[in-house]
């Protein structure tokens, strides 16, 4: 006799689960969710995505070994030039508050030149691991590309080294640290047989 209430409960749970699945599929196929980057997520969606992102990055980056020479001038200079070329359009330079990218991307990329970009990350080793992982692997559906397929770990660590110092830089210091020589700025193969384009 006791098996009947359990059977009824099981049927109820199965029915509820199937209804929830059908409702979810109907919502997905309805096109009702505003997917445009100019309409922010609702609070629940934002919370879920942010929690998923933060927990996933923390887990994935936990065992990354940080190089001992991260604070050297060589790394700072190498990373600065790459940051300027590849990152500053979205993550900005000292003294900038917005760009066309920051106005059009959602979620808005963090302004890494501001001191608050590091204030909430008291553990610099964990912050370095996290930044390395993000630069190497990117973040899905955020506009943050994965640079790992085109950049080796050394080059990515150089960018991490630069990011650690970025909030301390004035616009003038930034300009000096991110300058490339004309030869470095030229695409590979642009100078052939001693002739310049």
C-alpha atoms as a PDB file:
ATOM      1  CA  UNK A   1       0.000   0.000   0.000  1.00  0.00           C
ATOM      2  CA  UNK A   2       2.882   2.385   0.684  1.00  0.00           C
ATOM      3  CA  UNK A   3       4.134   2.067  -2.868  1.00  0.00           C
ATOM      4  CA  UNK A   4       1.089   3.869  -4.294  1.00  0.00           C
ATOM      5  CA  UNK A   5       1.917   7.278  -2.693  1.00  0.00           C
ATOM      6  CA  UNK A   6       5.507   6.913  -3.913  1.00  0.00           C
ATOM      7  CA  UNK A   7       4.268   6.019  -7.384  1.00  0.00           C
ATOM      8  CA  UNK A   8       1.916   9.016  -7.377  1.00  0.00           C
ATOM      9  CA  UNK A   9       4.735  11.286  -6.208  1.00  0.00           C
ATOM     10  CA  UNK A  10       7.029   9.909  -8.915  1.00  0.00           C
ATOM     11  CA  UNK A  11       4.406  10.498 -11.609  1.00  0.00           C
ATOM     12  CA  UNK A  12       3.847  14.029 -10.326  1.00  0.00           C
ATOM     13  CA  UNK A  13       7.581  14.806 -10.383  1.00  0.00           C
ATOM     14  CA  UNK A  14       7.971  13.273 -13.842  1.00  0.00           C
ATOM     15  CA  UNK A  15       4.986  15.241 -15.141  1.00  0.00           C
ATOM     16  CA  UNK A  16       6.288  18.477 -13.617  1.00  0.00           C
ATOM     17  CA  UNK A  17       9.735  17.867 -15.075  1.00  0.00           C
ATOM     18  CA  UNK A  18       8.355  17.164 -18.558  1.00  0.00           C
ATOM     19  CA  UNK A  19       6.173  20.279 -18.374  1.00  0.00           C
ATOM     20  CA  UNK A  20       9.166  22.424 -17.324  1.00  0.00           C
ATOM     21  CA  UNK A  21      11.240  20.957 -20.171  1.00  0.00           C
ATOM     22  CA  UNK A  22       8.469  21.628 -22.701  1.00  0.00           C
ATOM     23  CA  UNK A  23       7.992  25.184 -21.392  1.00  0.00           C
ATOM     24  CA  UNK A  24      11.739  25.813 -21.583  1.00  0.00           C
ATOM     25  CA  UNK A  25      11.925  24.510 -25.155  1.00  0.00           C
ATOM     26  CA  UNK A  26       8.910  26.615 -26.138  1.00  0.00           C
ATOM     27  CA  UNK A  27      10.623  29.686 -24.686  1.00  0.00           C
ATOM     28  CA  UNK A  28      13.890  28.933 -26.520  1.00  0.00           C
ATOM     29  CA  UNK A  29      12.138  28.541 -29.858  1.00  0.00           C
ATOM     30  CA  UNK A  30       9.754  31.469 -29.343  1.00  0.00           C
ATOM     31  CA  UNK A  31      12.399  34.132 -29.934  1.00  0.00           C
ATOM     32  CA  UNK A  32      10.940  36.203 -27.086  1.00  0.00           C
ATOM     33  CA  UNK A  33      14.220  36.691 -25.225  1.00  0.00           C
ATOM     34  CA  UNK A  34      15.864  39.991 -26.309  1.00  0.00           C
ATOM     35  CA  UNK A  35      19.249  38.771 -27.556  1.00  0.00           C
ATOM     36  CA  UNK A  36      20.541  42.139 -28.850  1.00  0.00           C
ATOM     37  CA  UNK A  37      23.634  43.563 -27.142  1.00  0.00           C
ATOM     38  CA  UNK A  38      21.808  46.862 -26.630  1.00  0.00           C
ATOM     39  CA  UNK A  39      19.281  45.305 -24.202  1.00  0.00           C
ATOM     40  CA  UNK A  40      20.790  44.205 -20.851  1.00  0.00           C
ATOM     41  CA  UNK A  41      20.013  40.809 -19.342  1.00  0.00           C
ATOM     42  CA  UNK A  42      17.451  40.639 -16.567  1.00  0.00           C
ATOM     43  CA  UNK A  43      18.833  40.380 -13.035  1.00  0.00           C
ATOM     44  CA  UNK A  44      18.477  36.616 -12.740  1.00  0.00           C
ATOM     45  CA  UNK A  45      20.175  35.916 -16.078  1.00  0.00           C
ATOM     46  CA  UNK A  46      22.978  38.367 -15.284  1.00  0.00           C
ATOM     47  CA  UNK A  47      23.534  36.796 -11.861  1.00  0.00           C
ATOM     48  CA  UNK A  48      23.569  33.268 -13.306  1.00  0.00           C
ATOM     49  CA  UNK A  49      26.022  34.141 -16.094  1.00  0.00           C
ATOM     50  CA  UNK A  50      28.313  36.137 -13.801  1.00  0.00           C
ATOM     51  CA  UNK A  51      28.354  33.376 -11.179  1.00  0.00           C
ATOM     52  CA  UNK A  52      29.049  30.735 -13.824  1.00  0.00           C
ATOM     53  CA  UNK A  53      31.862  32.824 -15.334  1.00  0.00           C
ATOM     54  CA  UNK A  54      33.540  33.650 -12.021  1.00  0.00           C
ATOM     55  CA  UNK A  55      33.356  30.095 -10.622  1.00  0.00           C
ATOM     56  CA  UNK A  56      34.508  28.554 -13.895  1.00  0.00           C
ATOM     57  CA  UNK A  57      37.525  30.867 -14.202  1.00  0.00           C
ATOM     58  CA  UNK A  58      38.461  30.370 -10.532  1.00  0.00           C
ATOM     59  CA  UNK A  59      38.387  26.584 -10.917  1.00  0.00           C
ATOM     60  CA  UNK A  60      40.173  26.505 -14.283  1.00  0.00           C
ATOM     61  CA  UNK A  61      42.946  28.905 -13.230  1.00  0.00           C
ATOM     62  CA  UNK A  62      43.616  27.540  -9.725  1.00  0.00           C
ATOM     63  CA  UNK A  63      46.607  25.356 -10.656  1.00  0.00           C
ATOM     64  CA  UNK A  64      48.342  27.696 -13.113  1.00  0.00           C
ATOM     65  CA  UNK A  65      51.961  28.355 -12.131  1.00  0.00           C
ATOM     66  CA  UNK A  66      52.860  32.055 -12.183  1.00  0.00           C
ATOM     67  CA  UNK A  67      56.405  32.884 -13.402  1.00  0.00           C
ATOM     68  CA  UNK A  68      58.691  34.403 -10.761  1.00  0.00           C
ATOM     69  CA  UNK A  69      59.897  37.177 -13.080  1.00  0.00           C
ATOM     70  CA  UNK A  70      56.478  38.690 -13.771  1.00  0.00           C
ATOM     71  CA  UNK A  71      57.506  42.128 -12.479  1.00  0.00           C
ATOM     72  CA  UNK A  72      60.569  42.578 -14.702  1.00  0.00           C
ATOM     73  CA  UNK A  73      60.894  45.584 -17.048  1.00  0.00           C
ATOM     74  CA  UNK A  74      61.401  43.260 -20.038  1.00  0.00           C
ATOM     75  CA  UNK A  75      57.993  41.652 -19.511  1.00  0.00           C
ATOM     76  CA  UNK A  76      56.364  45.019 -18.843  1.00  0.00           C
ATOM     77  CA  UNK A  77      57.635  46.489 -22.123  1.00  0.00           C
ATOM     78  CA  UNK A  78      56.772  43.434 -24.210  1.00  0.00           C
ATOM     79  CA  UNK A  79      53.314  43.151 -22.691  1.00  0.00           C
ATOM     80  CA  UNK A  80      52.584  46.860 -23.021  1.00  0.00           C
ATOM     81  CA  UNK A  81      52.996  46.917 -26.772  1.00  0.00           C
ATOM     82  CA  UNK A  82      50.702  43.904 -27.170  1.00  0.00           C
ATOM     83  CA  UNK A  83      48.102  45.378 -24.798  1.00  0.00           C
ATOM     84  CA  UNK A  84      48.050  48.592 -26.813  1.00  0.00           C
ATOM     85  CA  UNK A  85      47.630  46.732 -30.106  1.00  0.00           C
ATOM     86  CA  UNK A  86      45.174  44.038 -29.032  1.00  0.00           C
ATOM     87  CA  UNK A  87      43.376  45.085 -25.842  1.00  0.00           C
ATOM     88  CA  UNK A  88      43.184  48.860 -25.433  1.00  0.00           C
ATOM     89  CA  UNK A  89      40.298  49.285 -27.885  1.00  0.00           C
ATOM     90  CA  UNK A  90      38.006  47.461 -25.452  1.00  0.00           C
ATOM     91  CA  UNK A  91      39.781  47.714 -22.086  1.00  0.00           C
ATOM     92  CA  UNK A  92      40.999  51.305 -22.594  1.00  0.00           C
ATOM     93  CA  UNK A  93      44.140  53.336 -21.894  1.00  0.00           C
ATOM     94  CA  UNK A  94      44.882  55.540 -18.873  1.00  0.00           C
ATOM     95  CA  UNK A  95      42.725  58.656 -19.062  1.00  0.00           C
ATOM     96  CA  UNK A  96      40.083  57.095 -21.343  1.00  0.00           C
ATOM     97  CA  UNK A  97      36.544  56.531 -20.127  1.00  0.00           C
ATOM     98  CA  UNK A  98      34.958  54.895 -23.165  1.00  0.00           C
ATOM     99  CA  UNK A  99      35.457  53.872 -26.778  1.00  0.00           C
ATOM    100  CA  UNK A 100      33.197  52.770 -29.597  1.00  0.00           C
ATOM    101  CA  UNK A 101      33.768  49.189 -28.447  1.00  0.00           C
ATOM    102  CA  UNK A 102      32.856  49.856 -24.821  1.00  0.00           C
ATOM    103  CA  UNK A 103      29.702  51.651 -25.906  1.00  0.00           C
ATOM    104  CA  UNK A 104      28.610  48.810 -28.191  1.00  0.00           C
ATOM    105  CA  UNK A 105      29.645  45.638 -26.366  1.00  0.00           C
ATOM    106  CA  UNK A 106      27.494  43.875 -23.796  1.00  0.00           C
ATOM    107  CA  UNK A 107      28.569  42.967 -21.288  1.00  0.00           C
ATOM    108  CA  UNK A 108      30.712  46.115 -21.177  1.00  0.00           C
ATOM    109  CA  UNK A 109      34.416  45.192 -21.054  1.00  0.00           C
ATOM    110  CA  UNK A 110      36.082  46.226 -17.779  1.00  0.00           C
ATOM    111  CA  UNK A 111      38.256  49.345 -17.900  1.00  0.00           C
ATOM    112  CA  UNK A 112      41.533  47.738 -16.833  1.00  0.00           C
ATOM    113  CA  UNK A 113      43.326  51.092 -16.590  1.00  0.00           C
ATOM    114  CA  UNK A 114      41.350  52.077 -13.483  1.00  0.00           C
ATOM    115  CA  UNK A 115      42.633  51.285  -9.973  1.00  0.00           C
ATOM    116  CA  UNK A 116      39.355  49.535  -9.075  1.00  0.00           C
ATOM    117  CA  UNK A 117      40.209  46.922 -11.714  1.00  0.00           C
ATOM    118  CA  UNK A 118      42.619  45.505  -9.130  1.00  0.00           C
ATOM    119  CA  UNK A 119      41.072  46.655  -5.849  1.00  0.00           C
ATOM    120  CA  UNK A 120      38.773  43.649  -5.539  1.00  0.00           C
ATOM    121  CA  UNK A 121      41.584  41.210  -6.247  1.00  0.00           C
ATOM    122  CA  UNK A 122      43.789  41.319  -3.159  1.00  0.00           C
ATOM    123  CA  UNK A 123      45.615  38.075  -3.980  1.00  0.00           C
ATOM    124  CA  UNK A 124      47.932  39.118  -6.836  1.00  0.00           C
ATOM    125  CA  UNK A 125      48.932  35.531  -7.593  1.00  0.00           C
ATOM    126  CA  UNK A 126      45.301  34.478  -8.038  1.00  0.00           C
ATOM    127  CA  UNK A 127      44.711  37.614 -10.104  1.00  0.00           C
ATOM    128  CA  UNK A 128      47.675  36.790 -12.370  1.00  0.00           C
ATOM    129  CA  UNK A 129      46.424  33.207 -12.853  1.00  0.00           C
ATOM    130  CA  UNK A 130      42.948  34.463 -13.639  1.00  0.00           C
ATOM    131  CA  UNK A 131      44.159  37.023 -16.169  1.00  0.00           C
ATOM    132  CA  UNK A 132      46.437  34.492 -17.856  1.00  0.00           C
ATOM    133  CA  UNK A 133      43.548  32.046 -18.214  1.00  0.00           C
ATOM    134  CA  UNK A 134      41.170  34.714 -19.574  1.00  0.00           C
ATOM    135  CA  UNK A 135      43.687  36.003 -22.126  1.00  0.00           C
ATOM    136  CA  UNK A 136      44.605  32.487 -23.244  1.00  0.00           C
ATOM    137  CA  UNK A 137      41.095  30.994 -23.422  1.00  0.00           C
ATOM    138  CA  UNK A 138      38.771  34.004 -23.825  1.00  0.00           C
ATOM    139  CA  UNK A 139      35.191  34.123 -22.543  1.00  0.00           C
ATOM    140  CA  UNK A 140      32.285  32.800 -24.589  1.00  0.00           C
ATOM    141  CA  UNK A 141      29.601  35.228 -25.782  1.00  0.00           C
ATOM    142  CA  UNK A 142      31.363  38.241 -24.285  1.00  0.00           C
ATOM    143  CA  UNK A 143      33.526  39.581 -27.099  1.00  0.00           C
ATOM    144  CA  UNK A 144      36.712  38.442 -25.284  1.00  0.00           C
ATOM    145  CA  UNK A 145      38.750  36.404 -27.786  1.00  0.00           C
ATOM    146  CA  UNK A 146      40.988  33.458 -26.940  1.00  0.00           C
ATOM    147  CA  UNK A 147      44.559  34.537 -27.709  1.00  0.00           C
ATOM    148  CA  UNK A 148      46.006  31.091 -26.922  1.00  0.00           C
ATOM    149  CA  UNK A 149      45.736  29.767 -30.491  1.00  0.00           C
ATOM    150  CA  UNK A 150      47.882  32.637 -31.828  1.00  0.00           C
ATOM    151  CA  UNK A 151      50.086  33.597 -28.858  1.00  0.00           C
ATOM    152  CA  UNK A 152      52.434  31.431 -26.808  1.00  0.00           C
ATOM    153  CA  UNK A 153      52.316  31.388 -23.007  1.00  0.00           C
ATOM    154  CA  UNK A 154      55.359  33.662 -22.710  1.00  0.00           C
ATOM    155  CA  UNK A 155      53.666  36.399 -24.694  1.00  0.00           C
ATOM    156  CA  UNK A 156      50.465  36.031 -22.648  1.00  0.00           C
ATOM    157  CA  UNK A 157      52.425  36.279 -19.373  1.00  0.00           C
ATOM    158  CA  UNK A 158      53.980  39.503 -20.698  1.00  0.00           C
ATOM    159  CA  UNK A 159      50.487  40.956 -21.089  1.00  0.00           C
ATOM    160  CA  UNK A 160      49.604  39.810 -17.560  1.00  0.00           C
ATOM    161  CA  UNK A 161      52.748  41.571 -16.275  1.00  0.00           C
ATOM    162  CA  UNK A 162      51.669  44.779 -17.992  1.00  0.00           C
ATOM    163  CA  UNK A 163      48.122  44.517 -16.622  1.00  0.00           C
ATOM    164  CA  UNK A 164      49.490  44.400 -13.074  1.00  0.00           C
ATOM    165  CA  UNK A 165      51.052  47.839 -13.560  1.00  0.00           C
ATOM    166  CA  UNK A 166      48.486  49.431 -15.886  1.00  0.00           C
ATOM    167  CA  UNK A 167      46.294  51.131 -13.222  1.00  0.00           C
ATOM    168  CA  UNK A 168      49.370  52.948 -11.842  1.00  0.00           C
ATOM    169  CA  UNK A 169      50.358  54.492 -15.192  1.00  0.00           C
ATOM    170  CA  UNK A 170      49.744  58.052 -16.334  1.00  0.00           C
ATOM    171  CA  UNK A 171      48.792  58.570 -19.996  1.00  0.00           C
ATOM    172  CA  UNK A 172      52.364  59.720 -20.682  1.00  0.00           C
ATOM    173  CA  UNK A 173      53.937  56.672 -19.024  1.00  0.00           C
ATOM    174  CA  UNK A 174      51.537  54.444 -20.916  1.00  0.00           C
ATOM    175  CA  UNK A 175      52.576  56.030 -24.214  1.00  0.00           C
ATOM    176  CA  UNK A 176      56.252  55.354 -23.499  1.00  0.00           C
ATOM    177  CA  UNK A 177      55.728  51.761 -22.347  1.00  0.00           C
ATOM    178  CA  UNK A 178      53.515  50.784 -25.271  1.00  0.00           C
ATOM    179  CA  UNK A 179      55.500  52.302 -28.129  1.00  0.00           C
ATOM    180  CA  UNK A 180      56.787  49.947 -30.800  1.00  0.00           C
ATOM    181  CA  UNK A 181      59.566  50.703 -33.229  1.00  0.00           C
ATOM    182  CA  UNK A 182      58.492  51.138 -36.867  1.00  0.00           C
ATOM    183  CA  UNK A 183      59.993  47.742 -37.696  1.00  0.00           C
ATOM    184  CA  UNK A 184      58.025  46.022 -34.914  1.00  0.00           C
ATOM    185  CA  UNK A 185      54.807  47.689 -36.040  1.00  0.00           C
ATOM    186  CA  UNK A 186      55.230  46.484 -39.647  1.00  0.00           C
ATOM    187  CA  UNK A 187      53.365  43.307 -40.554  1.00  0.00           C
ATOM    188  CA  UNK A 188      55.621  40.336 -41.242  1.00  0.00           C
ATOM    189  CA  UNK A 189      56.730  40.298 -44.852  1.00  0.00           C
ATOM    190  CA  UNK A 190      55.919  43.985 -45.412  1.00  0.00           C
ATOM    191  CA  UNK A 191      59.589  44.817 -46.024  1.00  0.00           C
ATOM    192  CA  UNK A 192      61.055  42.701 -48.790  1.00  0.00           C
ATOM    193  CA  UNK A 193      64.466  43.023 -50.429  1.00  0.00           C
ATOM    194  CA  UNK A 194      65.199  46.144 -48.403  1.00  0.00           C
ATOM    195  CA  UNK A 195      62.298  48.050 -49.973  1.00  0.00           C
ATOM    196  CA  UNK A 196      59.729  49.649 -47.738  1.00  0.00           C
ATOM    197  CA  UNK A 197      56.090  49.790 -48.851  1.00  0.00           C
END
